[in-house]
Protein backbone atom coordinates (compact mmCIF):
# COMPACT_ATOMS: atom_id res chain seq x y z
CA MET A 1 -24.25 68.99 122.30
CA ALA A 2 -22.54 65.93 120.92
CA ASP A 3 -22.07 67.71 117.60
CA TYR A 4 -20.42 70.72 119.25
CA GLU A 5 -18.13 68.45 121.25
CA LYS A 6 -17.29 66.28 118.25
CA GLY A 7 -16.56 69.35 116.16
CA TYR A 8 -14.15 70.71 118.74
CA GLU A 9 -12.21 67.46 119.24
CA SER A 10 -9.85 68.12 116.34
CA VAL A 11 -9.05 71.71 117.31
CA PRO A 12 -6.56 71.44 120.23
CA GLY A 13 -4.04 69.30 118.34
CA SER A 14 -4.51 71.08 115.02
CA THR A 15 -2.21 73.52 113.29
CA LEU A 16 -4.72 76.34 113.60
CA PRO A 17 -3.34 79.60 114.99
CA GLU A 18 -3.98 80.07 118.71
CA ASP A 19 -6.52 82.84 118.17
CA GLN A 20 -8.57 80.49 115.97
CA LYS A 21 -8.37 77.72 118.58
CA THR A 22 -9.70 80.18 121.16
CA THR A 23 -12.53 81.16 118.82
CA TRP A 24 -13.48 77.51 118.30
CA LEU A 25 -13.45 76.93 122.06
CA GLY A 26 -15.78 79.91 122.36
CA ARG A 27 -18.09 78.33 119.80
CA LEU A 28 -18.20 75.16 121.88
CA HIS A 29 -19.26 77.17 124.93
CA HIS A 30 -21.65 79.19 122.76
CA GLY A 31 -23.51 75.93 122.12
CA THR A 32 -23.25 74.66 125.69
CA LEU A 33 -25.11 77.57 127.28
CA PRO A 34 -28.43 77.39 125.42
CA HIS A 35 -28.39 73.60 125.53
CA ALA A 36 -28.02 73.60 129.30
CA ALA A 37 -30.67 76.31 129.68
CA ARG A 38 -33.21 74.39 127.58
CA MET A 39 -32.55 71.25 129.61
CA GLY A 40 -33.35 73.11 132.84
CA LYS A 41 -29.70 73.17 133.98
CA HIS A 42 -29.86 76.86 134.82
CA GLU A 43 -26.84 76.98 137.12
CA GLU A 44 -24.70 75.29 134.46
CA ALA A 45 -25.98 77.70 131.82
CA TRP A 46 -25.21 80.74 133.95
CA LYS A 47 -21.76 79.36 134.76
CA GLU A 48 -21.12 79.30 131.00
CA ALA A 49 -22.28 82.91 130.76
CA GLU A 50 -20.12 84.12 133.66
CA THR A 51 -16.96 82.07 133.39
CA GLY A 52 -17.18 80.40 130.01
CA THR A 53 -14.89 81.06 127.14
CA GLN A 54 -17.08 83.91 125.90
CA LYS A 55 -15.41 86.24 128.39
CA MET A 56 -11.97 84.71 127.84
CA ILE A 57 -12.16 85.43 124.12
CA TRP A 58 -12.78 89.13 124.65
CA SER A 59 -10.28 89.54 127.46
CA THR A 60 -7.23 88.67 125.33
CA ALA A 61 -5.02 91.48 124.13
CA ALA A 62 -5.68 90.76 120.44
CA ARG A 63 -9.43 90.53 121.08
CA PRO A 64 -9.92 87.95 118.29
CA GLY A 65 -13.53 87.33 119.18
CA GLN A 66 -14.65 90.91 119.64
CA GLN A 67 -17.24 90.53 116.86
CA TYR A 68 -18.99 87.92 119.04
CA TRP A 69 -19.52 90.29 121.99
CA PRO A 70 -23.21 90.93 121.11
CA ALA A 71 -23.76 87.16 121.11
CA TYR A 72 -22.51 87.00 124.70
CA HIS A 73 -25.22 89.44 125.78
CA TYR A 74 -27.81 87.41 123.89
CA LEU A 75 -26.67 84.18 125.55
CA ALA A 76 -26.60 85.68 129.03
CA GLY A 77 -30.11 87.02 128.50
CA TYR A 78 -31.26 83.67 127.17
CA ALA A 79 -29.92 81.90 130.26
CA LYS A 80 -31.84 84.31 132.51
CA LEU A 81 -35.02 84.02 130.42
CA GLU A 82 -34.98 80.22 130.55
CA ALA A 83 -34.41 80.38 134.31
CA GLY A 84 -37.43 82.64 134.70
CA VAL A 85 -35.41 85.51 136.12
């Protein structure tokens, strides 16, 4: 998790276009969910699946992260599998 967080630190103040900043935030959450699930933090993992940036990326008008939509389904399923649901 520290690597995901460290990698994202430079993004908010960077000159990247806003759609790229959103994508990088999604990548941070993409790493948070399986990490939390493996650590037994199932509620935290599901929170990432339901309200994390994954959904925010695909709800924007430009839909910059649409290619990551299948990954969202994978992550949501992973969270449920780790929780034993």
